[in-house]
Amino acid sequence: MRISEKNGQMPGRNGEVMRERETFGSRLGFILVSAGCAVGLGNVWKFPYICGQYGGAAFILIYLVFLALLGMPILICEFAAGRGSGCGGV
């Protein structure tokens, strides 16, 4: 595969331009990102399930409301930062 010197892009199968994939800088970075995703998903899915299983349905409703209330401003900040930087999606 030949990479264009001008813009660092590779030609694809049908002549379309393909960019090189980004990679993690170190193995530790990959491990930390993987652990963060696993912990985050465990928090969002497993905790309410276990709580509801043991009779905490009212707490789950409050938990989900606050999860949405705290998550929306963070999501809006992410969108604003992306729009302000002028960069596209990853």
PDB file of N, CA and C in Angstrom:
ATOM      1  N   MET A   1       0.841  -1.177   0.000  1.00  0.00           N
ATOM      2  CA  MET A   1       0.000   0.000   0.000  1.00  0.00           C
ATOM      3  C   MET A   1       0.878   1.230   0.000  1.00  0.00           C
ATOM      4  N   ARG A   2       0.514   2.136  -0.806  1.00  0.00           N
ATOM      5  CA  ARG A   2       1.311   3.331  -0.930  1.00  0.00           C
ATOM      6  C   ARG A   2       0.574   4.511  -0.304  1.00  0.00           C
ATOM      7  N   ILE A   3       1.260   5.213   0.575  1.00  0.00           N
ATOM      8  CA  ILE A   3       0.676   6.354   1.262  1.00  0.00           C
ATOM      9  C   ILE A   3       1.097   7.615   0.532  1.00  0.00           C
ATOM     10  N   SER A   4       0.130   8.472   0.275  1.00  0.00           N
ATOM     11  CA  SER A   4       0.416   9.736  -0.393  1.00  0.00           C
ATOM     12  C   SER A   4       1.252  10.623   0.517  1.00  0.00           C
ATOM     13  N   GLU A   5       2.308  11.193  -0.021  1.00  0.00           N
ATOM     14  CA  GLU A   5       3.185  12.064   0.770  1.00  0.00           C
ATOM     15  C   GLU A   5       2.487  13.379   1.102  1.00  0.00           C
ATOM     16  N   LYS A   6       1.566  13.777   0.276  1.00  0.00           N
ATOM     17  CA  LYS A   6       0.928  15.078   0.429  1.00  0.00           C
ATOM     18  C   LYS A   6       0.013  15.153   1.655  1.00  0.00           C
ATOM     19  N   ASN A   7      -0.850  14.151   1.846  1.00  0.00           N
ATOM     20  CA  ASN A   7      -1.828  14.252   2.922  1.00  0.00           C
ATOM     21  C   ASN A   7      -1.889  13.019   3.826  1.00  0.00           C
ATOM     22  N   GLY A   8      -0.987  12.069   3.682  1.00  0.00           N
ATOM     23  CA  GLY A   8      -0.943  10.916   4.564  1.00  0.00           C
ATOM     24  C   GLY A   8      -2.116   9.972   4.405  1.00  0.00           C
ATOM     25  N   GLN A   9      -2.712   9.926   3.205  1.00  0.00           N
ATOM     26  CA  GLN A   9      -3.864   9.075   2.974  1.00  0.00           C
ATOM     27  C   GLN A   9      -3.506   7.961   1.994  1.00  0.00           C
ATOM     28  N   MET A  10      -4.220   6.844   2.108  1.00  0.00           N
ATOM     29  CA  MET A  10      -3.978   5.706   1.228  1.00  0.00           C
ATOM     30  C   MET A  10      -5.131   5.565   0.252  1.00  0.00           C
ATOM     31  N   PRO A  11      -4.843   5.186  -0.993  1.00  0.00           N
ATOM     32  CA  PRO A  11      -5.937   4.919  -1.925  1.00  0.00           C
ATOM     33  C   PRO A  11      -6.621   3.610  -1.571  1.00  0.00           C
ATOM     34  N   GLY A  12      -7.939   3.562  -1.679  1.00  0.00           N
ATOM     35  CA  GLY A  12      -8.707   2.365  -1.363  1.00  0.00           C
ATOM     36  C   GLY A  12      -8.838   1.451  -2.568  1.00  0.00           C
ATOM     37  N   ARG A  13      -9.712   0.453  -2.435  1.00  0.00           N
ATOM     38  CA  ARG A  13      -9.900  -0.521  -3.509  1.00  0.00           C
ATOM     39  C   ARG A  13     -10.451   0.114  -4.777  1.00  0.00           C
ATOM     40  N   ASN A  14     -11.448   0.934  -4.641  1.00  0.00           N
ATOM     41  CA  ASN A  14     -12.109   1.513  -5.806  1.00  0.00           C
ATOM     42  C   ASN A  14     -11.647   2.934  -6.091  1.00  0.00           C
ATOM     43  N   GLY A  15     -10.479   3.298  -5.625  1.00  0.00           N
ATOM     44  CA  GLY A  15      -9.947   4.625  -5.869  1.00  0.00           C
ATOM     45  C   GLY A  15     -10.318   5.645  -4.813  1.00  0.00           C
ATOM     46  N   GLU A  16     -11.226   5.283  -3.873  1.00  0.00           N
ATOM     47  CA  GLU A  16     -11.575   6.233  -2.827  1.00  0.00           C
ATOM     48  C   GLU A  16     -10.390   6.383  -1.875  1.00  0.00           C
ATOM     49  N   VAL A  17     -10.356   7.481  -1.179  1.00  0.00           N
ATOM     50  CA  VAL A  17      -9.231   7.770  -0.297  1.00  0.00           C
ATOM     51  C   VAL A  17      -9.543   7.246   1.099  1.00  0.00           C
ATOM     52  N   MET A  18      -8.598   6.488   1.674  1.00  0.00           N
ATOM     53  CA  MET A  18      -8.745   5.952   3.023  1.00  0.00           C
ATOM     54  C   MET A  18      -7.700   6.606   3.912  1.00  0.00           C
ATOM     55  N   ARG A  19      -8.096   6.978   5.100  1.00  0.00           N
ATOM     56  CA  ARG A  19      -7.149   7.529   6.067  1.00  0.00           C
ATOM     57  C   ARG A  19      -6.567   6.407   6.910  1.00  0.00           C
ATOM     58  N   GLU A  20      -5.371   6.628   7.429  1.00  0.00           N
ATOM     59  CA  GLU A  20      -4.787   5.660   8.334  1.00  0.00           C
ATOM     60  C   GLU A  20      -5.552   5.676   9.653  1.00  0.00           C
ATOM     61  N   ARG A  21      -5.670   4.531  10.283  1.00  0.00           N
ATOM     62  CA  ARG A  21      -6.359   4.445  11.569  1.00  0.00           C
ATOM     63  C   ARG A  21      -5.471   4.995  12.671  1.00  0.00           C
ATOM     64  N   GLU A  22      -6.120   5.618  13.631  1.00  0.00           N
ATOM     65  CA  GLU A  22      -5.378   6.071  14.805  1.00  0.00           C
ATOM     66  C   GLU A  22      -5.209   4.892  15.745  1.00  0.00           C
ATOM     67  N   THR A  23      -4.128   4.890  16.487  1.00  0.00           N
ATOM     68  CA  THR A  23      -3.864   3.815  17.436  1.00  0.00           C
ATOM     69  C   THR A  23      -3.591   4.417  18.804  1.00  0.00           C
ATOM     70  N   PHE A  24      -3.648   3.561  19.815  1.00  0.00           N
ATOM     71  CA  PHE A  24      -3.320   4.011  21.160  1.00  0.00           C
ATOM     72  C   PHE A  24      -1.823   4.248  21.252  1.00  0.00           C
ATOM     73  N   GLY A  25      -1.436   5.215  22.078  1.00  0.00           N
ATOM     74  CA  GLY A  25      -0.027   5.541  22.239  1.00  0.00           C
ATOM     75  C   GLY A  25       0.732   4.478  23.009  1.00  0.00           C
ATOM     76  N   SER A  26       0.051   3.782  23.901  1.00  0.00           N
ATOM     77  CA  SER A  26       0.719   2.746  24.687  1.00  0.00           C
ATOM     78  C   SER A  26      -0.289   1.661  25.049  1.00  0.00           C
ATOM     79  N   ARG A  27       0.231   0.557  25.497  1.00  0.00           N
ATOM     80  CA  ARG A  27      -0.626  -0.535  25.920  1.00  0.00           C
ATOM     81  C   ARG A  27      -1.397  -0.168  27.185  1.00  0.00           C
ATOM     82  N   LEU A  28      -0.765   0.607  28.058  1.00  0.00           N
ATOM     83  CA  LEU A  28      -1.421   1.049  29.288  1.00  0.00           C
ATOM     84  C   LEU A  28      -2.648   1.904  28.969  1.00  0.00           C
ATOM     85  N   GLY A  29      -2.545   2.769  27.972  1.00  0.00           N
ATOM     86  CA  GLY A  29      -3.687   3.592  27.577  1.00  0.00           C
ATOM     87  C   GLY A  29      -4.863   2.752  27.140  1.00  0.00           C
ATOM     88  N   PHE A  30      -4.592   1.704  26.361  1.00  0.00           N
ATOM     89  CA  PHE A  30      -5.663   0.806  25.919  1.00  0.00           C
ATOM     90  C   PHE A  30      -6.304   0.097  27.102  1.00  0.00           C
ATOM     91  N   ILE A  31      -5.488  -0.370  28.033  1.00  0.00           N
ATOM     92  CA  ILE A  31      -6.008  -1.083  29.207  1.00  0.00           C
ATOM     93  C   ILE A  31      -6.871  -0.150  30.055  1.00  0.00           C
ATOM     94  N   LEU A  32      -6.437   1.090  30.239  1.00  0.00           N
ATOM     95  CA  LEU A  32      -7.212   2.042  31.041  1.00  0.00           C
ATOM     96  C   LEU A  32      -8.539   2.385  30.379  1.00  0.00           C
ATOM     97  N   VAL A  33      -8.537   2.561  29.063  1.00  0.00           N
ATOM     98  CA  VAL A  33      -9.783   2.851  28.353  1.00  0.00           C
ATOM     99  C   VAL A  33     -10.731   1.659  28.438  1.00  0.00           C
ATOM    100  N   SER A  34     -10.214   0.461  28.269  1.00  0.00           N
ATOM    101  CA  SER A  34     -11.050  -0.741  28.356  1.00  0.00           C
ATOM    102  C   SER A  34     -11.650  -0.896  29.749  1.00  0.00           C
ATOM    103  N   ALA A  35     -10.848  -0.666  30.774  1.00  0.00           N
ATOM    104  CA  ALA A  35     -11.352  -0.770  32.148  1.00  0.00           C
ATOM    105  C   ALA A  35     -12.408   0.300  32.416  1.00  0.00           C
ATOM    106  N   GLY A  36     -12.191   1.504  31.918  1.00  0.00           N
ATOM    107  CA  GLY A  36     -13.175   2.574  32.105  1.00  0.00           C
ATOM    108  C   GLY A  36     -14.501   2.259  31.451  1.00  0.00           C
ATOM    109  N   CYS A  37     -14.458   1.675  30.267  1.00  0.00           N
ATOM    110  CA  CYS A  37     -15.702   1.296  29.592  1.00  0.00           C
ATOM    111  C   CYS A  37     -16.425   0.194  30.361  1.00  0.00           C
ATOM    112  N   ALA A  38     -15.674  -0.778  30.831  1.00  0.00           N
ATOM    113  CA  ALA A  38     -16.288  -1.884  31.574  1.00  0.00           C
ATOM    114  C   ALA A  38     -16.914  -1.395  32.873  1.00  0.00           C
ATOM    115  N   VAL A  39     -16.240  -0.518  33.586  1.00  0.00           N
ATOM    116  CA  VAL A  39     -16.780   0.009  34.841  1.00  0.00           C
ATOM    117  C   VAL A  39     -18.013   0.859  34.564  1.00  0.00           C
ATOM    118  N   GLY A  40     -17.957   1.671  33.532  1.00  0.00           N
ATOM    119  CA  GLY A  40     -19.097   2.521  33.187  1.00  0.00           C
ATOM    120  C   GLY A  40     -20.326   1.713  32.821  1.00  0.00           C
ATOM    121  N   LEU A  41     -20.156   0.682  31.999  1.00  0.00           N
ATOM    122  CA  LEU A  41     -21.292  -0.146  31.617  1.00  0.00           C
ATOM    123  C   LEU A  41     -21.833  -0.931  32.805  1.00  0.00           C
ATOM    124  N   GLY A  42     -20.949  -1.374  33.673  1.00  0.00           N
ATOM    125  CA  GLY A  42     -21.397  -2.082  34.871  1.00  0.00           C
ATOM    126  C   GLY A  42     -22.226  -1.190  35.767  1.00  0.00           C
ATOM    127  N   ASN A  43     -21.824   0.067  35.868  1.00  0.00           N
ATOM    128  CA  ASN A  43     -22.560   1.014  36.701  1.00  0.00           C
ATOM    129  C   ASN A  43     -23.941   1.292  36.129  1.00  0.00           C
ATOM    130  N   VAL A  44     -24.025   1.475  34.840  1.00  0.00           N
ATOM    131  CA  VAL A  44     -25.296   1.856  34.226  1.00  0.00           C
ATOM    132  C   VAL A  44     -26.266   0.684  34.149  1.00  0.00           C
ATOM    133  N   TRP A  45     -25.779  -0.543  33.909  1.00  0.00           N
ATOM    134  CA  TRP A  45     -26.679  -1.667  33.697  1.00  0.00           C
ATOM    135  C   TRP A  45     -26.836  -2.599  34.891  1.00  0.00           C
ATOM    136  N   LYS A  46     -25.753  -2.987  35.511  1.00  0.00           N
ATOM    137  CA  LYS A  46     -25.853  -4.020  36.548  1.00  0.00           C
ATOM    138  C   LYS A  46     -26.406  -3.495  37.871  1.00  0.00           C
ATOM    139  N   PHE A  47     -25.995  -2.307  38.273  1.00  0.00           N
ATOM    140  CA  PHE A  47     -26.451  -1.774  39.555  1.00  0.00           C
ATOM    141  C   PHE A  47     -27.970  -1.640  39.623  1.00  0.00           C
ATOM    142  N   PRO A  48     -28.631  -1.011  38.650  1.00  0.00           N
ATOM    143  CA  PRO A  48     -30.098  -0.930  38.729  1.00  0.00           C
ATOM    144  C   PRO A  48     -30.768  -2.309  38.682  1.00  0.00           C
ATOM    145  N   TYR A  49     -30.190  -3.235  37.935  1.00  0.00           N
ATOM    146  CA  TYR A  49     -30.760  -4.581  37.863  1.00  0.00           C
ATOM    147  C   TYR A  49     -30.731  -5.257  39.237  1.00  0.00           C
ATOM    148  N   ILE A  50     -29.593  -5.206  39.890  1.00  0.00           N
ATOM    149  CA  ILE A  50     -29.470  -5.834  41.210  1.00  0.00           C
ATOM    150  C   ILE A  50     -30.342  -5.119  42.231  1.00  0.00           C
ATOM    151  N   CYS A  51     -30.387  -3.807  42.150  1.00  0.00           N
ATOM    152  CA  CYS A  51     -31.204  -3.040  43.088  1.00  0.00           C
ATOM    153  C   CYS A  51     -32.686  -3.380  42.915  1.00  0.00           C
ATOM    154  N   GLY A  52     -33.156  -3.487  41.682  1.00  0.00           N
ATOM    155  CA  GLY A  52     -34.547  -3.839  41.425  1.00  0.00           C
ATOM    156  C   GLY A  52     -34.872  -5.255  41.824  1.00  0.00           C
ATOM    157  N   GLN A  53     -33.887  -6.128  41.706  1.00  0.00           N
ATOM    158  CA  GLN A  53     -34.085  -7.522  42.072  1.00  0.00           C
ATOM    159  C   GLN A  53     -34.346  -7.673  43.570  1.00  0.00           C
ATOM    160  N   TYR A  54     -33.778  -6.789  44.364  1.00  0.00           N
ATOM    161  CA  TYR A  54     -33.940  -6.870  45.818  1.00  0.00           C
ATOM    162  C   TYR A  54     -34.928  -5.850  46.374  1.00  0.00           C
ATOM    163  N   GLY A  55     -35.843  -5.364  45.546  1.00  0.00           N
ATOM    164  CA  GLY A  55     -36.922  -4.518  46.028  1.00  0.00           C
ATOM    165  C   GLY A  55     -36.634  -3.031  46.037  1.00  0.00           C
ATOM    166  N   GLY A  56     -35.714  -2.552  45.262  1.00  0.00           N
ATOM    167  CA  GLY A  56     -35.387  -1.129  45.247  1.00  0.00           C
ATOM    168  C   GLY A  56     -35.862  -0.413  43.998  1.00  0.00           C
ATOM    169  N   ALA A  57     -37.051  -0.751  43.509  1.00  0.00           N
ATOM    170  CA  ALA A  57     -37.554  -0.164  42.269  1.00  0.00           C
ATOM    171  C   ALA A  57     -37.723   1.349  42.380  1.00  0.00           C
ATOM    172  N   ALA A  58     -38.146   1.848  43.536  1.00  0.00           N
ATOM    173  CA  ALA A  58     -38.305   3.300  43.712  1.00  0.00           C
ATOM    174  C   ALA A  58     -36.941   3.981  43.615  1.00  0.00           C
ATOM    175  N   PHE A  59     -35.931   3.345  44.171  1.00  0.00           N
ATOM    176  CA  PHE A  59     -34.594   3.919  44.082  1.00  0.00           C
ATOM    177  C   PHE A  59     -34.099   3.919  42.649  1.00  0.00           C
ATOM    178  N   ILE A  60     -34.443   2.893  41.880  1.00  0.00           N
ATOM    179  CA  ILE A  60     -34.011   2.838  40.478  1.00  0.00           C
ATOM    180  C   ILE A  60     -34.607   3.988  39.691  1.00  0.00           C
ATOM    181  N   LEU A  61     -35.855   4.307  39.933  1.00  0.00           N
ATOM    182  CA  LEU A  61     -36.478   5.434  39.227  1.00  0.00           C
ATOM    183  C   LEU A  61     -35.747   6.737  39.539  1.00  0.00           C
ATOM    184  N   ILE A  62     -35.452   6.963  40.795  1.00  0.00           N
ATOM    185  CA  ILE A  62     -34.714   8.170  41.184  1.00  0.00           C
ATOM    186  C   ILE A  62     -33.315   8.148  40.580  1.00  0.00           C
ATOM    187  N   TYR A  63     -32.678   6.991  40.589  1.00  0.00           N
ATOM    188  CA  TYR A  63     -31.335   6.836  40.017  1.00  0.00           C
ATOM    189  C   TYR A  63     -31.334   7.181  38.532  1.00  0.00           C
ATOM    190  N   LEU A  64     -32.313   6.669  37.778  1.00  0.00           N
ATOM    191  CA  LEU A  64     -32.377   6.941  36.344  1.00  0.00           C
ATOM    192  C   LEU A  64     -32.668   8.408  36.047  1.00  0.00           C
ATOM    193  N   VAL A  65     -33.516   9.026  36.867  1.00  0.00           N
ATOM    194  CA  VAL A  65     -33.803  10.458  36.677  1.00  0.00           C
ATOM    195  C   VAL A  65     -32.535  11.280  36.872  1.00  0.00           C
ATOM    196  N   PHE A  66     -31.803  11.011  37.941  1.00  0.00           N
ATOM    197  CA  PHE A  66     -30.576  11.763  38.181  1.00  0.00           C
ATOM    198  C   PHE A  66     -29.483  11.426  37.176  1.00  0.00           C
ATOM    199  N   LEU A  67     -29.460  10.188  36.697  1.00  0.00           N
ATOM    200  CA  LEU A  67     -28.505   9.821  35.653  1.00  0.00           C
ATOM    201  C   LEU A  67     -28.756  10.644  34.396  1.00  0.00           C
ATOM    202  N   ALA A  68     -30.025  10.813  34.030  1.00  0.00           N
ATOM    203  CA  ALA A  68     -30.364  11.623  32.865  1.00  0.00           C
ATOM    204  C   ALA A  68     -30.088  13.104  33.125  1.00  0.00           C
ATOM    205  N   LEU A  69     -30.453  13.585  34.323  1.00  0.00           N
ATOM    206  CA  LEU A  69     -30.233  15.001  34.627  1.00  0.00           C
ATOM    207  C   LEU A  69     -28.751  15.371  34.642  1.00  0.00           C
ATOM    208  N   LEU A  70     -27.916  14.483  35.115  1.00  0.00           N
ATOM    209  CA  LEU A  70     -26.483  14.765  35.140  1.00  0.00           C
ATOM    210  C   LEU A  70     -25.818  14.424  33.808  1.00  0.00           C
ATOM    211  N   GLY A  71     -26.380  13.485  33.075  1.00  0.00           N
ATOM    212  CA  GLY A  71     -25.782  13.089  31.802  1.00  0.00           C
ATOM    213  C   GLY A  71     -26.037  14.078  30.678  1.00  0.00           C
ATOM    214  N   MET A  72     -27.201  14.703  30.654  1.00  0.00           N
ATOM    215  CA  MET A  72     -27.525  15.639  29.572  1.00  0.00           C
ATOM    216  C   MET A  72     -26.590  16.845  29.528  1.00  0.00           C
ATOM    217  N   PRO A  73     -26.300  17.517  30.638  1.00  0.00           N
ATOM    218  CA  PRO A  73     -25.350  18.636  30.552  1.00  0.00           C
ATOM    219  C   PRO A  73     -23.957  18.203  30.081  1.00  0.00           C
ATOM    220  N   ILE A  74     -23.539  17.013  30.482  1.00  0.00           N
ATOM    221  CA  ILE A  74     -22.236  16.525  30.028  1.00  0.00           C
ATOM    222  C   ILE A  74     -22.274  16.269  28.529  1.00  0.00           C
ATOM    223  N   LEU A  75     -23.361  15.688  28.034  1.00  0.00           N
ATOM    224  CA  LEU A  75     -23.505  15.445  26.606  1.00  0.00           C
ATOM    225  C   LEU A  75     -23.532  16.758  25.831  1.00  0.00           C
ATOM    226  N   ILE A  76     -24.236  17.752  26.339  1.00  0.00           N
ATOM    227  CA  ILE A  76     -24.299  19.058  25.684  1.00  0.00           C
ATOM    228  C   ILE A  76     -22.922  19.708  25.660  1.00  0.00           C
ATOM    229  N   CYS A  77     -22.164  19.573  26.742  1.00  0.00           N
ATOM    230  CA  CYS A  77     -20.798  20.121  26.765  1.00  0.00           C
ATOM    231  C   CYS A  77     -19.906  19.425  25.746  1.00  0.00           C
ATOM    232  N   GLU A  78     -20.067  18.124  25.589  1.00  0.00           N
ATOM    233  CA  GLU A  78     -19.297  17.386  24.585  1.00  0.00           C
ATOM    234  C   GLU A  78     -19.625  17.901  23.186  1.00  0.00           C
ATOM    235  N   PHE A  79     -20.905  18.093  22.898  1.00  0.00           N
ATOM    236  CA  PHE A  79     -21.305  18.608  21.591  1.00  0.00           C
ATOM    237  C   PHE A  79     -20.768  20.014  21.373  1.00  0.00           C
ATOM    238  N   ALA A  80     -20.838  20.858  22.402  1.00  0.00           N
ATOM    239  CA  ALA A  80     -20.344  22.234  22.275  1.00  0.00           C
ATOM    240  C   ALA A  80     -18.841  22.261  22.046  1.00  0.00           C
ATOM    241  N   ALA A  81     -18.112  21.404  22.756  1.00  0.00           N
ATOM    242  CA  ALA A  81     -16.661  21.362  22.565  1.00  0.00           C
ATOM    243  C   ALA A  81     -16.304  20.886  21.164  1.00  0.00           C
ATOM    244  N   GLY A  82     -17.044  19.895  20.666  1.00  0.00           N
ATOM    245  CA  GLY A  82     -16.802  19.413  19.316  1.00  0.00           C
ATOM    246  C   GLY A  82     -17.125  20.454  18.267  1.00  0.00           C
ATOM    247  N   ARG A  83     -18.228  21.170  18.460  1.00  0.00           N
ATOM    248  CA  ARG A  83     -18.595  22.211  17.506  1.00  0.00           C
ATOM    249  C   ARG A  83     -17.618  23.381  17.572  1.00  0.00           C
ATOM    250  N   GLY A  84     -17.188  23.720  18.787  1.00  0.00           N
ATOM    251  CA  GLY A  84     -16.247  24.832  18.946  1.00  0.00           C
ATOM    252  C   GLY A  84     -14.869  24.540  18.371  1.00  0.00           C
ATOM    253  N   SER A  85     -14.460  23.284  18.441  1.00  0.00           N
ATOM    254  CA  SER A  85     -13.131  22.934  17.907  1.00  0.00           C
ATOM    255  C   SER A  85     -13.146  22.865  16.393  1.00  0.00           C
ATOM    256  N   GLY A  86     -14.314  22.661  15.812  1.00  0.00           N
ATOM    257  CA  GLY A  86     -14.419  22.590  14.365  1.00  0.00           C
ATOM    258  C   GLY A  86     -13.970  21.267  13.787  1.00  0.00           C
ATOM    259  N   CYS A  87     -13.674  20.298  14.621  1.00  0.00           N
ATOM    260  CA  CYS A  87     -13.253  18.974  14.146  1.00  0.00           C
ATOM    261  C   CYS A  87     -14.459  18.085  13.997  1.00  0.00           C
ATOM    262  N   GLY A  88     -14.352  17.113  13.104  1.00  0.00           N
ATOM    263  CA  GLY A  88     -15.428  16.165  12.907  1.00  0.00           C
ATOM    264  C   GLY A  88     -15.396  15.082  13.959  1.00  0.00           C
ATOM    265  N   GLY A  89     -16.265  14.105  13.804  1.00  0.00           N
ATOM    266  CA  GLY A  89     -16.301  12.971  14.716  1.00  0.00           C
ATOM    267  C   GLY A  89     -15.064  12.095  14.550  1.00  0.00           C
ATOM    268  N   VAL A  90     -14.825  11.309  15.571  1.00  0.00           N
ATOM    269  CA  VAL A  90     -13.644  10.438  15.531  1.00  0.00           C
ATOM    270  C   VAL A  90     -13.891   9.262  14.636  1.00  0.00           C
TER     271      VAL A  90
END
